[in-house]
């Protein structure tokens, strides 16, 4: 494991974007497509913005997988992760495919199976993720299920996770934050 410390969030975003670009270019040099997992959140914004600006990545050969999404939240809601990713990534780089999680599917377990079927067909080259304030990875709040073999699952969001969403400005109150999400499992991410 390599740990880097940067003076500013912009320096961190630049370094992370450069490393991500190198990984994607290396994957594309050895195979037809690169496969990446993409997260959202305040910590990802500057990184994704910078990555989208970097030259030399053939985005038409990159396939993205959505990390997590709220259950029941409209794609038009300002806190929708699909909305965030469409605006910050998809509409800017125009990848080959973007496998979004449909949080509005009336059967979230069926949605887990649908997107899970897609990701298990691929070798993931890189995951662009962060760790939440309460230690969550995606929406796998502590104590997360490390044993499940399912690539995606429906999870309950704890109070600390929901409070983080309010503190970041996505929602006005904790009561507005959905209580469930579809999340990539820890095992799938790692």
N, C-alpha and C. Protein backbone atom coordinates (compact mmCIF):
# COMPACT_ATOMS: atom_id res chain seq x y z
N UNK A 1 0.84 -1.18 0.00
CA UNK A 1 0.00 0.00 0.00
C UNK A 1 0.88 1.24 0.00
N UNK A 2 0.48 2.21 -0.80
CA UNK A 2 1.21 3.47 -0.85
C UNK A 2 0.30 4.56 -0.30
N UNK A 3 0.81 5.35 0.61
CA UNK A 3 0.05 6.45 1.19
C UNK A 3 0.72 7.75 0.81
N UNK A 4 -0.08 8.68 0.32
CA UNK A 4 0.42 10.00 -0.04
C UNK A 4 -0.33 11.05 0.75
N UNK A 5 0.37 12.08 1.14
CA UNK A 5 -0.25 13.22 1.83
C UNK A 5 -0.06 14.44 0.95
N UNK A 6 -1.14 15.16 0.73
CA UNK A 6 -1.08 16.36 -0.12
C UNK A 6 -1.54 17.56 0.69
N UNK A 7 -0.98 18.71 0.37
CA UNK A 7 -1.27 19.95 1.11
C UNK A 7 -2.70 20.44 0.91
N UNK A 8 -3.22 20.29 -0.29
CA UNK A 8 -4.56 20.81 -0.58
C UNK A 8 -5.41 19.73 -1.26
N UNK A 9 -6.71 19.93 -1.24
CA UNK A 9 -7.61 18.99 -1.90
C UNK A 9 -7.39 19.02 -3.42
N UNK A 10 -7.01 20.17 -3.96
CA UNK A 10 -6.74 20.26 -5.40
C UNK A 10 -5.50 19.45 -5.77
N UNK A 11 -4.47 19.50 -4.93
CA UNK A 11 -3.27 18.70 -5.19
C UNK A 11 -3.60 17.21 -5.11
N UNK A 12 -4.43 16.85 -4.16
CA UNK A 12 -4.86 15.46 -4.02
C UNK A 12 -5.64 15.03 -5.26
N UNK A 13 -6.58 15.87 -5.71
CA UNK A 13 -7.38 15.55 -6.89
C UNK A 13 -6.49 15.36 -8.12
N UNK A 14 -5.51 16.23 -8.27
CA UNK A 14 -4.59 16.13 -9.42
C UNK A 14 -3.80 14.82 -9.37
N UNK A 15 -3.24 14.50 -8.21
CA UNK A 15 -2.45 13.27 -8.08
C UNK A 15 -3.32 12.04 -8.32
N UNK A 16 -4.51 12.02 -7.75
CA UNK A 16 -5.41 10.87 -7.93
C UNK A 16 -5.83 10.74 -9.39
N UNK A 17 -6.13 11.85 -10.04
CA UNK A 17 -6.53 11.82 -11.45
C UNK A 17 -5.39 11.31 -12.33
N UNK A 18 -4.18 11.74 -12.04
CA UNK A 18 -3.02 11.28 -12.83
C UNK A 18 -2.84 9.77 -12.66
N UNK A 19 -2.96 9.27 -11.42
CA UNK A 19 -2.83 7.84 -11.18
C UNK A 19 -3.95 7.06 -11.87
N UNK A 20 -5.17 7.58 -11.78
CA UNK A 20 -6.32 6.93 -12.42
C UNK A 20 -6.12 6.86 -13.93
N UNK A 21 -5.66 7.95 -14.51
CA UNK A 21 -5.42 7.99 -15.96
C UNK A 21 -4.37 6.96 -16.36
N UNK A 22 -3.33 6.84 -15.58
CA UNK A 22 -2.29 5.85 -15.87
C UNK A 22 -2.85 4.44 -15.84
N UNK A 23 -3.67 4.14 -14.84
CA UNK A 23 -4.27 2.81 -14.72
C UNK A 23 -5.19 2.53 -15.91
N UNK A 24 -6.02 3.50 -16.28
CA UNK A 24 -6.92 3.31 -17.42
C UNK A 24 -6.14 3.12 -18.72
N UNK A 25 -5.13 3.94 -18.94
CA UNK A 25 -4.33 3.82 -20.17
C UNK A 25 -3.61 2.48 -20.23
N UNK A 26 -3.10 2.02 -19.10
CA UNK A 26 -2.42 0.72 -19.05
C UNK A 26 -3.39 -0.40 -19.38
N UNK A 27 -4.58 -0.35 -18.80
CA UNK A 27 -5.60 -1.37 -19.09
C UNK A 27 -5.97 -1.36 -20.57
N UNK A 28 -6.14 -0.17 -21.13
CA UNK A 28 -6.51 -0.06 -22.54
C UNK A 28 -5.40 -0.50 -23.48
N UNK A 29 -4.16 -0.44 -23.03
CA UNK A 29 -3.03 -0.90 -23.85
C UNK A 29 -2.99 -2.42 -23.94
N UNK A 30 -3.56 -3.10 -22.94
CA UNK A 30 -3.49 -4.56 -22.92
C UNK A 30 -4.78 -5.27 -23.28
N UNK A 31 -5.90 -4.53 -23.37
CA UNK A 31 -7.17 -5.18 -23.72
C UNK A 31 -8.12 -4.17 -24.37
N UNK A 32 -9.22 -4.67 -24.87
CA UNK A 32 -10.15 -3.85 -25.67
C UNK A 32 -10.87 -2.79 -24.85
N UNK A 33 -11.14 -3.08 -23.58
CA UNK A 33 -11.90 -2.15 -22.74
C UNK A 33 -11.29 -2.07 -21.35
N UNK A 34 -11.45 -0.92 -20.73
CA UNK A 34 -11.10 -0.75 -19.31
C UNK A 34 -12.41 -0.65 -18.54
N UNK A 35 -12.42 -1.22 -17.34
CA UNK A 35 -13.62 -1.23 -16.51
C UNK A 35 -13.33 -0.56 -15.19
N UNK A 36 -14.17 0.43 -14.85
CA UNK A 36 -13.92 1.21 -13.63
C UNK A 36 -15.21 1.37 -12.84
N UNK A 37 -15.05 1.39 -11.52
CA UNK A 37 -16.14 1.68 -10.59
C UNK A 37 -16.02 3.14 -10.21
N UNK A 38 -17.15 3.85 -10.22
CA UNK A 38 -17.12 5.28 -9.97
C UNK A 38 -18.04 5.63 -8.80
N UNK A 39 -17.50 6.42 -7.87
CA UNK A 39 -18.25 6.88 -6.70
C UNK A 39 -18.61 8.35 -6.86
N UNK A 40 -19.41 8.81 -5.92
CA UNK A 40 -19.83 10.21 -5.89
C UNK A 40 -19.38 10.82 -4.57
N UNK A 41 -19.87 12.00 -4.29
CA UNK A 41 -19.57 12.64 -3.02
C UNK A 41 -18.67 13.84 -3.20
N UNK A 42 -18.60 14.63 -2.16
CA UNK A 42 -17.79 15.84 -2.21
C UNK A 42 -16.32 15.52 -2.45
N UNK A 43 -15.85 14.41 -1.89
CA UNK A 43 -14.44 14.06 -2.04
C UNK A 43 -14.09 13.66 -3.47
N UNK A 44 -15.07 13.29 -4.26
CA UNK A 44 -14.82 12.84 -5.62
C UNK A 44 -14.91 13.96 -6.66
N UNK A 45 -15.56 15.06 -6.33
CA UNK A 45 -15.87 16.10 -7.31
C UNK A 45 -14.64 16.64 -8.04
N UNK A 46 -13.66 17.12 -7.31
CA UNK A 46 -12.47 17.70 -7.94
C UNK A 46 -11.69 16.64 -8.70
N UNK A 47 -11.61 15.45 -8.14
CA UNK A 47 -10.92 14.34 -8.81
C UNK A 47 -11.57 14.02 -10.16
N UNK A 48 -12.90 13.84 -10.17
CA UNK A 48 -13.59 13.51 -11.41
C UNK A 48 -13.50 14.64 -12.43
N UNK A 49 -13.59 15.87 -11.94
CA UNK A 49 -13.45 17.01 -12.85
C UNK A 49 -12.08 17.01 -13.52
N UNK A 50 -11.05 16.77 -12.74
CA UNK A 50 -9.69 16.76 -13.29
C UNK A 50 -9.47 15.56 -14.21
N UNK A 51 -9.95 14.39 -13.81
CA UNK A 51 -9.79 13.19 -14.64
C UNK A 51 -10.42 13.40 -16.02
N UNK A 52 -11.58 14.01 -16.05
CA UNK A 52 -12.28 14.24 -17.32
C UNK A 52 -11.50 15.17 -18.24
N UNK A 53 -10.61 15.97 -17.69
CA UNK A 53 -9.82 16.93 -18.49
C UNK A 53 -8.53 16.33 -19.04
N UNK A 54 -8.09 15.22 -18.49
CA UNK A 54 -6.78 14.68 -18.88
C UNK A 54 -6.81 14.09 -20.28
N UNK A 55 -5.77 14.36 -21.06
CA UNK A 55 -5.71 13.84 -22.43
C UNK A 55 -5.24 12.39 -22.48
N UNK A 56 -5.50 11.75 -23.61
CA UNK A 56 -4.91 10.45 -23.88
C UNK A 56 -5.70 9.24 -23.42
N UNK A 57 -6.88 9.44 -22.87
CA UNK A 57 -7.72 8.30 -22.46
C UNK A 57 -8.79 8.13 -23.53
N UNK A 58 -8.87 6.93 -24.10
CA UNK A 58 -9.90 6.65 -25.09
C UNK A 58 -11.17 6.25 -24.36
N UNK A 59 -11.94 7.25 -23.98
CA UNK A 59 -13.15 7.03 -23.17
C UNK A 59 -14.17 6.14 -23.88
N UNK A 60 -14.10 6.07 -25.21
CA UNK A 60 -15.03 5.22 -25.96
C UNK A 60 -14.79 3.74 -25.68
N UNK A 61 -13.70 3.43 -24.99
CA UNK A 61 -13.38 2.05 -24.65
C UNK A 61 -13.44 1.82 -23.14
N UNK A 62 -14.02 2.75 -22.40
CA UNK A 62 -14.12 2.64 -20.94
C UNK A 62 -15.56 2.33 -20.56
N UNK A 63 -15.72 1.35 -19.68
CA UNK A 63 -17.02 0.96 -19.15
C UNK A 63 -17.03 1.31 -17.67
N UNK A 64 -18.05 2.06 -17.26
CA UNK A 64 -18.17 2.47 -15.86
C UNK A 64 -19.29 1.71 -15.15
N UNK A 65 -19.06 1.46 -13.87
CA UNK A 65 -20.07 0.88 -12.99
C UNK A 65 -20.32 1.84 -11.83
N UNK A 66 -21.57 2.06 -11.59
CA UNK A 66 -22.07 2.94 -10.54
C UNK A 66 -21.91 2.23 -9.19
N UNK A 67 -21.33 2.89 -8.22
CA UNK A 67 -21.02 2.28 -6.92
C UNK A 67 -22.25 2.11 -6.03
N UNK A 68 -23.07 3.15 -5.91
CA UNK A 68 -24.21 3.08 -5.00
C UNK A 68 -25.24 4.14 -5.36
N UNK A 69 -26.46 3.93 -4.89
CA UNK A 69 -27.55 4.87 -5.16
C UNK A 69 -28.63 4.72 -4.10
N UNK A 70 -29.26 5.82 -3.78
CA UNK A 70 -30.38 5.81 -2.84
C UNK A 70 -31.57 5.05 -3.43
N UNK A 71 -32.28 4.33 -2.58
CA UNK A 71 -33.52 3.68 -2.99
C UNK A 71 -34.64 4.72 -2.94
N UNK A 72 -35.38 4.82 -4.04
CA UNK A 72 -36.55 5.67 -4.08
C UNK A 72 -36.31 7.13 -4.41
N UNK A 73 -35.08 7.53 -4.64
CA UNK A 73 -34.78 8.93 -4.92
C UNK A 73 -34.81 9.17 -6.44
N UNK A 74 -35.55 10.17 -6.85
CA UNK A 74 -35.68 10.49 -8.27
C UNK A 74 -34.33 10.89 -8.87
N UNK A 75 -34.12 10.52 -10.11
CA UNK A 75 -32.89 10.89 -10.82
C UNK A 75 -32.79 12.41 -10.97
N UNK A 76 -33.89 13.11 -10.85
CA UNK A 76 -33.85 14.57 -10.96
C UNK A 76 -33.55 15.27 -9.63
N UNK A 77 -33.55 14.53 -8.53
CA UNK A 77 -33.24 15.11 -7.21
C UNK A 77 -31.77 15.55 -7.19
N UNK A 78 -31.47 16.71 -6.61
CA UNK A 78 -30.07 17.18 -6.56
C UNK A 78 -29.09 16.20 -5.91
N UNK A 79 -29.58 15.32 -5.03
CA UNK A 79 -28.70 14.37 -4.35
C UNK A 79 -28.60 13.03 -5.07
N UNK A 80 -29.29 12.89 -6.19
CA UNK A 80 -29.24 11.63 -6.94
C UNK A 80 -27.81 11.39 -7.43
N UNK A 81 -27.29 10.20 -7.15
CA UNK A 81 -25.95 9.86 -7.60
C UNK A 81 -25.92 9.66 -9.12
N UNK A 82 -27.03 9.18 -9.68
CA UNK A 82 -27.10 9.06 -11.15
C UNK A 82 -26.96 10.45 -11.78
N UNK A 83 -27.66 11.41 -11.22
CA UNK A 83 -27.59 12.79 -11.73
C UNK A 83 -26.15 13.31 -11.64
N UNK A 84 -25.54 13.12 -10.48
CA UNK A 84 -24.16 13.56 -10.24
C UNK A 84 -23.22 12.95 -11.29
N UNK A 85 -23.33 11.64 -11.50
CA UNK A 85 -22.42 10.95 -12.42
C UNK A 85 -22.69 11.31 -13.88
N UNK A 86 -23.94 11.51 -14.22
CA UNK A 86 -24.25 11.93 -15.60
C UNK A 86 -23.65 13.30 -15.88
N UNK A 87 -23.75 14.21 -14.91
CA UNK A 87 -23.24 15.56 -15.11
C UNK A 87 -21.72 15.64 -15.05
N UNK A 88 -21.10 14.93 -14.11
CA UNK A 88 -19.66 15.06 -13.90
C UNK A 88 -18.82 14.11 -14.75
N UNK A 89 -19.41 13.01 -15.18
CA UNK A 89 -18.62 12.01 -15.90
C UNK A 89 -19.22 11.72 -17.28
N UNK A 90 -20.37 11.11 -17.30
CA UNK A 90 -20.96 10.60 -18.54
C UNK A 90 -21.08 11.67 -19.63
N UNK A 91 -21.64 12.81 -19.30
CA UNK A 91 -21.86 13.86 -20.31
C UNK A 91 -20.56 14.55 -20.74
N UNK A 92 -19.51 14.35 -19.98
CA UNK A 92 -18.23 15.00 -20.30
C UNK A 92 -17.29 14.11 -21.09
N UNK A 93 -17.23 12.81 -20.75
CA UNK A 93 -16.26 11.94 -21.41
C UNK A 93 -16.90 10.95 -22.38
N UNK A 94 -18.19 10.75 -22.30
CA UNK A 94 -18.93 9.87 -23.21
C UNK A 94 -18.30 8.47 -23.29
N UNK A 95 -18.34 7.73 -22.17
CA UNK A 95 -17.73 6.40 -22.17
C UNK A 95 -18.51 5.42 -23.06
N UNK A 96 -17.92 4.26 -23.26
CA UNK A 96 -18.59 3.22 -24.05
C UNK A 96 -19.93 2.86 -23.43
N UNK A 97 -19.91 2.61 -22.12
CA UNK A 97 -21.12 2.24 -21.39
C UNK A 97 -21.01 2.75 -19.97
N UNK A 98 -22.14 3.10 -19.40
CA UNK A 98 -22.19 3.46 -17.98
C UNK A 98 -23.34 2.66 -17.38
N UNK A 99 -23.00 1.71 -16.52
CA UNK A 99 -24.00 0.86 -15.87
C UNK A 99 -24.48 1.55 -14.59
N UNK A 100 -25.58 2.27 -14.74
CA UNK A 100 -26.16 2.98 -13.60
C UNK A 100 -27.03 2.05 -12.77
N UNK A 101 -27.12 2.37 -11.48
CA UNK A 101 -28.08 1.73 -10.59
C UNK A 101 -29.35 2.56 -10.65
N UNK A 102 -30.47 1.90 -10.92
CA UNK A 102 -31.75 2.59 -10.96
C UNK A 102 -32.38 2.51 -9.57
N UNK A 103 -32.17 3.53 -8.77
CA UNK A 103 -32.73 3.57 -7.42
C UNK A 103 -34.23 3.70 -7.39
N UNK A 104 -34.83 4.02 -8.53
CA UNK A 104 -36.28 4.14 -8.61
C UNK A 104 -36.96 2.83 -9.00
N UNK A 105 -36.20 1.80 -9.24
CA UNK A 105 -36.80 0.50 -9.54
C UNK A 105 -37.67 0.10 -8.35
N UNK A 106 -38.96 -0.22 -8.57
CA UNK A 106 -39.83 -0.58 -7.45
C UNK A 106 -39.38 -1.84 -6.71
N UNK A 107 -38.52 -2.64 -7.34
CA UNK A 107 -37.97 -3.83 -6.70
C UNK A 107 -36.45 -3.68 -6.63
N UNK A 108 -35.95 -3.07 -5.54
CA UNK A 108 -34.50 -2.82 -5.46
C UNK A 108 -33.66 -4.10 -5.48
N UNK A 109 -34.22 -5.21 -5.01
CA UNK A 109 -33.47 -6.47 -5.04
C UNK A 109 -33.30 -6.96 -6.48
N UNK A 110 -34.31 -6.75 -7.30
CA UNK A 110 -34.21 -7.09 -8.72
C UNK A 110 -33.16 -6.20 -9.38
N UNK A 111 -33.12 -4.93 -9.00
CA UNK A 111 -32.11 -4.01 -9.55
C UNK A 111 -30.70 -4.47 -9.17
N UNK A 112 -30.54 -4.96 -7.94
CA UNK A 112 -29.24 -5.50 -7.52
C UNK A 112 -28.83 -6.66 -8.42
N UNK A 113 -29.77 -7.54 -8.71
CA UNK A 113 -29.47 -8.68 -9.58
C UNK A 113 -29.11 -8.22 -11.00
N UNK A 114 -29.85 -7.23 -11.50
CA UNK A 114 -29.61 -6.74 -12.86
C UNK A 114 -28.19 -6.18 -13.01
N UNK A 115 -27.83 -5.22 -12.16
CA UNK A 115 -26.52 -4.59 -12.28
C UNK A 115 -25.41 -5.56 -11.84
N UNK A 116 -25.73 -6.45 -10.89
CA UNK A 116 -24.77 -7.46 -10.47
C UNK A 116 -24.39 -8.41 -11.60
N UNK A 117 -25.37 -8.76 -12.42
CA UNK A 117 -25.12 -9.62 -13.57
C UNK A 117 -24.14 -8.96 -14.54
N UNK A 118 -24.27 -7.65 -14.71
CA UNK A 118 -23.38 -6.91 -15.62
C UNK A 118 -21.94 -6.87 -15.09
N UNK A 119 -21.78 -6.59 -13.79
CA UNK A 119 -20.42 -6.42 -13.27
C UNK A 119 -19.66 -7.74 -13.17
N UNK A 120 -20.39 -8.84 -12.94
CA UNK A 120 -19.70 -10.13 -12.81
C UNK A 120 -19.16 -10.63 -14.15
N UNK A 121 -19.55 -10.01 -15.24
CA UNK A 121 -19.05 -10.38 -16.57
C UNK A 121 -17.71 -9.72 -16.87
N UNK A 122 -17.23 -8.86 -16.00
CA UNK A 122 -16.07 -8.03 -16.30
C UNK A 122 -14.98 -8.16 -15.24
N UNK A 123 -13.76 -7.89 -15.68
CA UNK A 123 -12.64 -7.74 -14.76
C UNK A 123 -12.51 -6.24 -14.48
N UNK A 124 -12.63 -5.85 -13.23
CA UNK A 124 -12.54 -4.43 -12.86
C UNK A 124 -11.07 -4.03 -12.78
N UNK A 125 -10.75 -2.94 -13.45
CA UNK A 125 -9.37 -2.46 -13.47
C UNK A 125 -9.07 -1.47 -12.35
N UNK A 126 -10.05 -0.67 -11.99
CA UNK A 126 -9.82 0.36 -10.97
C UNK A 126 -11.15 0.78 -10.37
N UNK A 127 -11.11 1.12 -9.10
CA UNK A 127 -12.29 1.64 -8.40
C UNK A 127 -11.96 3.02 -7.84
N UNK A 128 -12.75 4.00 -8.23
CA UNK A 128 -12.59 5.37 -7.73
C UNK A 128 -13.57 5.54 -6.58
N UNK A 129 -13.09 5.32 -5.35
CA UNK A 129 -13.97 5.36 -4.18
C UNK A 129 -13.32 6.14 -3.05
N UNK A 130 -14.13 6.51 -2.08
CA UNK A 130 -13.65 7.17 -0.88
C UNK A 130 -14.24 6.48 0.34
N UNK A 131 -13.75 6.81 1.49
CA UNK A 131 -14.26 6.26 2.75
C UNK A 131 -15.01 7.36 3.47
N UNK A 132 -16.25 7.06 3.89
CA UNK A 132 -17.08 8.04 4.57
C UNK A 132 -16.62 8.36 5.98
N UNK A 133 -17.20 9.39 6.54
CA UNK A 133 -16.82 9.86 7.88
C UNK A 133 -17.01 8.79 8.95
N UNK A 134 -18.00 7.92 8.78
CA UNK A 134 -18.23 6.86 9.78
C UNK A 134 -17.52 5.57 9.38
N UNK A 135 -16.67 5.64 8.37
CA UNK A 135 -15.93 4.47 7.92
C UNK A 135 -16.63 3.68 6.83
N UNK A 136 -17.74 4.21 6.30
CA UNK A 136 -18.44 3.43 5.28
C UNK A 136 -17.68 3.44 3.95
N UNK A 137 -17.78 2.32 3.27
CA UNK A 137 -17.24 2.15 1.93
C UNK A 137 -18.45 1.89 1.05
N UNK A 138 -18.67 2.76 0.08
CA UNK A 138 -19.96 2.83 -0.63
C UNK A 138 -20.99 3.12 0.45
N UNK A 139 -22.09 2.40 0.47
CA UNK A 139 -23.05 2.58 1.56
C UNK A 139 -23.01 1.38 2.50
N UNK A 140 -21.87 0.76 2.62
CA UNK A 140 -21.69 -0.33 3.56
C UNK A 140 -21.23 0.26 4.89
N UNK A 141 -22.23 0.62 5.71
CA UNK A 141 -21.93 1.23 7.01
C UNK A 141 -21.39 0.18 7.97
N UNK A 142 -20.47 0.56 8.85
CA UNK A 142 -19.98 -0.38 9.86
C UNK A 142 -21.13 -0.83 10.77
N UNK A 143 -21.21 -2.08 11.11
CA UNK A 143 -20.38 -3.19 10.64
C UNK A 143 -20.92 -3.74 9.32
N UNK A 144 -20.17 -3.66 8.28
CA UNK A 144 -20.61 -4.10 6.95
C UNK A 144 -20.53 -5.62 6.82
N UNK A 145 -21.25 -6.14 5.86
CA UNK A 145 -21.24 -7.57 5.56
C UNK A 145 -20.07 -7.87 4.63
N UNK A 146 -19.01 -8.43 5.17
CA UNK A 146 -17.83 -8.77 4.37
C UNK A 146 -17.95 -10.15 3.74
N UNK A 147 -18.97 -10.91 4.14
CA UNK A 147 -19.09 -12.30 3.70
C UNK A 147 -19.96 -12.49 2.47
N UNK A 148 -20.86 -11.56 2.19
CA UNK A 148 -21.77 -11.76 1.05
C UNK A 148 -20.98 -11.90 -0.25
N UNK A 149 -21.47 -12.78 -1.10
CA UNK A 149 -20.86 -12.95 -2.42
C UNK A 149 -21.63 -12.18 -3.49
N UNK A 150 -22.71 -11.54 -3.08
CA UNK A 150 -23.50 -10.74 -4.03
C UNK A 150 -22.74 -9.47 -4.37
N UNK A 151 -22.70 -9.08 -5.64
CA UNK A 151 -21.98 -7.86 -6.00
C UNK A 151 -22.69 -6.58 -5.55
N UNK A 152 -24.02 -6.60 -5.51
CA UNK A 152 -24.81 -5.45 -5.05
C UNK A 152 -25.83 -5.93 -4.04
N UNK A 153 -26.16 -5.06 -3.08
CA UNK A 153 -27.15 -5.40 -2.08
C UNK A 153 -27.91 -4.16 -1.62
N UNK A 154 -29.08 -4.40 -1.06
CA UNK A 154 -29.86 -3.32 -0.46
C UNK A 154 -29.39 -3.19 0.98
N UNK A 155 -29.05 -1.97 1.38
CA UNK A 155 -28.53 -1.73 2.73
C UNK A 155 -29.35 -0.65 3.42
N UNK A 156 -29.37 -0.72 4.74
CA UNK A 156 -29.99 0.32 5.56
C UNK A 156 -28.92 1.35 5.90
N UNK A 157 -29.27 2.61 5.80
CA UNK A 157 -28.32 3.69 6.09
C UNK A 157 -28.43 4.10 7.54
N UNK A 158 -27.32 4.07 8.26
CA UNK A 158 -27.36 4.43 9.67
C UNK A 158 -27.39 5.95 9.85
N UNK A 159 -27.62 6.36 11.07
CA UNK A 159 -27.77 7.78 11.39
C UNK A 159 -26.53 8.59 11.02
N UNK A 160 -25.35 8.06 11.31
CA UNK A 160 -24.11 8.79 11.01
C UNK A 160 -23.93 9.00 9.51
N UNK A 161 -24.23 8.00 8.74
CA UNK A 161 -24.13 8.12 7.29
C UNK A 161 -25.13 9.14 6.76
N UNK A 162 -26.35 9.08 7.26
CA UNK A 162 -27.39 10.02 6.82
C UNK A 162 -27.04 11.45 7.24
N UNK A 163 -26.46 11.60 8.41
CA UNK A 163 -26.04 12.93 8.88
C UNK A 163 -24.93 13.49 7.98
N UNK A 164 -24.01 12.64 7.54
CA UNK A 164 -22.95 13.09 6.63
C UNK A 164 -23.56 13.67 5.36
N UNK A 165 -24.60 13.06 4.85
CA UNK A 165 -25.24 13.56 3.62
C UNK A 165 -25.82 14.96 3.84
N UNK A 166 -26.36 15.20 5.04
CA UNK A 166 -26.88 16.53 5.38
C UNK A 166 -25.72 17.52 5.52
N UNK A 167 -24.68 17.11 6.23
CA UNK A 167 -23.52 17.99 6.45
C UNK A 167 -22.84 18.40 5.14
N UNK A 168 -22.90 17.52 4.15
CA UNK A 168 -22.30 17.84 2.85
C UNK A 168 -23.23 18.70 1.99
N UNK A 169 -24.45 18.93 2.47
CA UNK A 169 -25.37 19.82 1.76
C UNK A 169 -26.29 19.16 0.75
N UNK A 170 -26.32 17.84 0.72
CA UNK A 170 -27.18 17.15 -0.24
C UNK A 170 -28.65 17.18 0.17
N UNK A 171 -28.89 17.22 1.47
CA UNK A 171 -30.25 17.26 2.02
C UNK A 171 -30.29 18.31 3.12
N UNK A 172 -31.49 18.82 3.40
CA UNK A 172 -31.65 19.83 4.46
C UNK A 172 -31.74 19.22 5.84
N UNK A 173 -32.38 18.06 5.95
CA UNK A 173 -32.54 17.40 7.25
C UNK A 173 -32.26 15.91 7.11
N UNK A 174 -31.95 15.26 8.22
CA UNK A 174 -31.72 13.82 8.22
C UNK A 174 -32.97 13.08 7.78
N UNK A 175 -34.14 13.60 8.13
CA UNK A 175 -35.39 12.94 7.74
C UNK A 175 -35.59 12.90 6.23
N UNK A 176 -34.97 13.81 5.49
CA UNK A 176 -35.08 13.82 4.03
C UNK A 176 -34.20 12.75 3.37
N UNK A 177 -33.19 12.29 4.08
CA UNK A 177 -32.25 11.32 3.51
C UNK A 177 -32.92 9.94 3.48
N UNK A 178 -32.93 9.28 2.34
CA UNK A 178 -33.51 7.93 2.30
C UNK A 178 -32.86 7.02 3.34
N UNK A 179 -33.61 6.04 3.79
CA UNK A 179 -33.12 5.12 4.81
C UNK A 179 -32.48 3.88 4.21
N UNK A 180 -32.62 3.71 2.90
CA UNK A 180 -32.02 2.56 2.23
C UNK A 180 -31.30 3.00 0.96
N UNK A 181 -30.36 2.15 0.56
CA UNK A 181 -29.64 2.38 -0.69
C UNK A 181 -29.29 1.04 -1.31
N UNK A 182 -28.99 1.08 -2.59
CA UNK A 182 -28.39 -0.07 -3.26
C UNK A 182 -26.90 0.23 -3.29
N UNK A 183 -26.11 -0.72 -2.80
CA UNK A 183 -24.67 -0.51 -2.67
C UNK A 183 -23.90 -1.69 -3.23
N UNK A 184 -22.79 -1.39 -3.87
CA UNK A 184 -21.87 -2.45 -4.22
C UNK A 184 -21.34 -3.03 -2.92
N UNK A 185 -21.18 -4.34 -2.87
CA UNK A 185 -20.70 -4.98 -1.64
C UNK A 185 -19.21 -4.72 -1.44
N UNK A 186 -18.79 -4.84 -0.20
CA UNK A 186 -17.37 -4.64 0.13
C UNK A 186 -16.51 -5.62 -0.66
N UNK A 187 -16.92 -6.87 -0.72
CA UNK A 187 -16.14 -7.88 -1.43
C UNK A 187 -15.99 -7.52 -2.91
N UNK A 188 -17.06 -7.03 -3.53
CA UNK A 188 -16.98 -6.65 -4.95
C UNK A 188 -16.04 -5.47 -5.15
N UNK A 189 -16.08 -4.51 -4.25
CA UNK A 189 -15.22 -3.33 -4.36
C UNK A 189 -13.75 -3.71 -4.23
N UNK A 190 -13.48 -4.55 -3.24
CA UNK A 190 -12.08 -4.92 -2.98
C UNK A 190 -11.60 -5.97 -3.97
